């Protein structure tokens, strides 16, 4: 699990981050594409 996975997941679950912001976390290397799918329930495109 990526170092910032819990933080990103928490922000998304609390409604503080949108899917686009979670996608940006993948671009920045904070989480993986698979982790994006786990957090949002959608495949990373």
N, C-alpha and C. Protein backbone atom coordinates (compact mmCIF):
# COMPACT_ATOMS: atom_id res chain seq x y z
N UNK A 1 0.85 -1.18 0.00
CA UNK A 1 0.00 0.00 0.00
C UNK A 1 0.90 1.24 0.00
N UNK A 2 0.53 2.21 -0.79
CA UNK A 2 1.30 3.44 -0.89
C UNK A 2 1.27 4.22 0.42
N UNK A 3 2.31 5.00 0.64
CA UNK A 3 2.46 5.74 1.89
C UNK A 3 1.29 6.70 2.14
N UNK A 4 0.75 7.29 1.09
CA UNK A 4 -0.31 8.29 1.25
C UNK A 4 -1.70 7.74 0.96
N UNK A 5 -1.81 6.41 0.80
CA UNK A 5 -3.10 5.81 0.48
C UNK A 5 -4.17 6.17 1.52
N UNK A 6 -3.86 5.99 2.78
CA UNK A 6 -4.84 6.24 3.84
C UNK A 6 -5.31 7.68 3.84
N UNK A 7 -4.39 8.60 3.61
CA UNK A 7 -4.74 10.02 3.60
C UNK A 7 -5.68 10.33 2.43
N UNK A 8 -5.33 9.85 1.24
CA UNK A 8 -6.15 10.09 0.05
C UNK A 8 -7.52 9.44 0.22
N UNK A 9 -7.55 8.20 0.70
CA UNK A 9 -8.81 7.48 0.89
C UNK A 9 -9.69 8.22 1.90
N UNK A 10 -9.10 8.71 2.96
CA UNK A 10 -9.84 9.43 3.98
C UNK A 10 -10.45 10.72 3.45
N UNK A 11 -9.69 11.46 2.68
CA UNK A 11 -10.19 12.71 2.09
C UNK A 11 -11.37 12.42 1.15
N UNK A 12 -11.22 11.38 0.34
CA UNK A 12 -12.29 11.04 -0.61
C UNK A 12 -13.54 10.57 0.13
N UNK A 13 -13.36 9.71 1.12
CA UNK A 13 -14.49 9.16 1.88
C UNK A 13 -15.23 10.26 2.63
N UNK A 14 -14.51 11.28 3.07
CA UNK A 14 -15.13 12.39 3.82
C UNK A 14 -15.78 13.41 2.89
N UNK A 15 -15.61 13.22 1.58
CA UNK A 15 -16.19 14.15 0.62
C UNK A 15 -15.36 15.41 0.42
N UNK A 16 -14.13 15.38 0.90
CA UNK A 16 -13.26 16.54 0.76
C UNK A 16 -12.54 16.58 -0.59
N UNK A 17 -12.39 15.41 -1.19
CA UNK A 17 -11.73 15.31 -2.49
C UNK A 17 -12.68 14.70 -3.50
N UNK A 18 -12.58 15.18 -4.75
CA UNK A 18 -13.33 14.63 -5.87
C UNK A 18 -12.52 13.50 -6.51
N UNK A 19 -13.15 12.81 -7.44
CA UNK A 19 -12.44 11.75 -8.18
C UNK A 19 -11.27 12.34 -8.95
N UNK A 20 -11.43 13.56 -9.44
CA UNK A 20 -10.35 14.20 -10.18
C UNK A 20 -9.14 14.46 -9.27
N UNK A 21 -9.40 14.82 -8.03
CA UNK A 21 -8.30 15.04 -7.10
C UNK A 21 -7.60 13.72 -6.77
N UNK A 22 -8.37 12.64 -6.66
CA UNK A 22 -7.77 11.32 -6.43
C UNK A 22 -6.95 10.92 -7.65
N UNK A 23 -7.46 11.23 -8.84
CA UNK A 23 -6.72 10.95 -10.08
C UNK A 23 -5.38 11.71 -10.08
N UNK A 24 -5.40 12.94 -9.62
CA UNK A 24 -4.17 13.73 -9.54
C UNK A 24 -3.17 13.10 -8.58
N UNK A 25 -3.66 12.43 -7.54
CA UNK A 25 -2.77 11.74 -6.61
C UNK A 25 -2.03 10.60 -7.31
N UNK A 26 -2.68 9.97 -8.29
CA UNK A 26 -2.02 8.93 -9.09
C UNK A 26 -0.92 9.58 -9.94
N UNK A 27 -1.25 10.68 -10.59
CA UNK A 27 -0.28 11.39 -11.44
C UNK A 27 0.95 11.80 -10.64
N UNK A 28 0.73 12.24 -9.41
CA UNK A 28 1.83 12.67 -8.55
C UNK A 28 2.61 11.51 -7.94
N UNK A 29 2.10 10.28 -8.11
CA UNK A 29 2.78 9.12 -7.58
C UNK A 29 2.46 8.83 -6.13
N UNK A 30 1.43 9.46 -5.59
CA UNK A 30 1.04 9.25 -4.20
C UNK A 30 0.37 7.90 -4.02
N UNK A 31 -0.44 7.48 -5.01
CA UNK A 31 -1.12 6.19 -4.99
C UNK A 31 -0.99 5.55 -6.37
N UNK A 32 -1.30 4.26 -6.44
CA UNK A 32 -1.23 3.55 -7.72
C UNK A 32 -2.59 3.59 -8.43
N UNK A 33 -2.60 3.17 -9.68
CA UNK A 33 -3.85 3.08 -10.43
C UNK A 33 -4.81 2.09 -9.78
N UNK A 34 -4.28 0.98 -9.27
CA UNK A 34 -5.12 -0.01 -8.58
C UNK A 34 -5.73 0.57 -7.31
N UNK A 35 -4.96 1.36 -6.60
CA UNK A 35 -5.47 1.99 -5.39
C UNK A 35 -6.55 3.02 -5.73
N UNK A 36 -6.39 3.71 -6.85
CA UNK A 36 -7.44 4.62 -7.32
C UNK A 36 -8.75 3.87 -7.47
N UNK A 37 -8.67 2.69 -8.10
CA UNK A 37 -9.87 1.87 -8.33
C UNK A 37 -10.48 1.43 -7.00
N UNK A 38 -9.65 1.08 -6.04
CA UNK A 38 -10.15 0.67 -4.71
C UNK A 38 -10.88 1.83 -4.03
N UNK A 39 -10.32 3.01 -4.13
CA UNK A 39 -10.87 4.18 -3.44
C UNK A 39 -12.15 4.66 -4.09
N UNK A 40 -12.18 4.76 -5.42
CA UNK A 40 -13.31 5.36 -6.12
C UNK A 40 -14.33 4.35 -6.61
N UNK A 41 -13.93 3.09 -6.74
CA UNK A 41 -14.83 2.08 -7.28
C UNK A 41 -14.90 2.10 -8.80
N UNK A 42 -14.02 2.86 -9.42
CA UNK A 42 -13.96 2.95 -10.89
C UNK A 42 -12.53 2.68 -11.35
N UNK A 43 -12.40 2.12 -12.54
CA UNK A 43 -11.07 1.89 -13.11
C UNK A 43 -10.41 3.23 -13.43
N UNK A 44 -9.09 3.27 -13.28
CA UNK A 44 -8.33 4.46 -13.65
C UNK A 44 -8.21 4.50 -15.16
N UNK A 45 -8.55 5.61 -15.74
CA UNK A 45 -8.50 5.75 -17.21
C UNK A 45 -7.42 6.73 -17.59
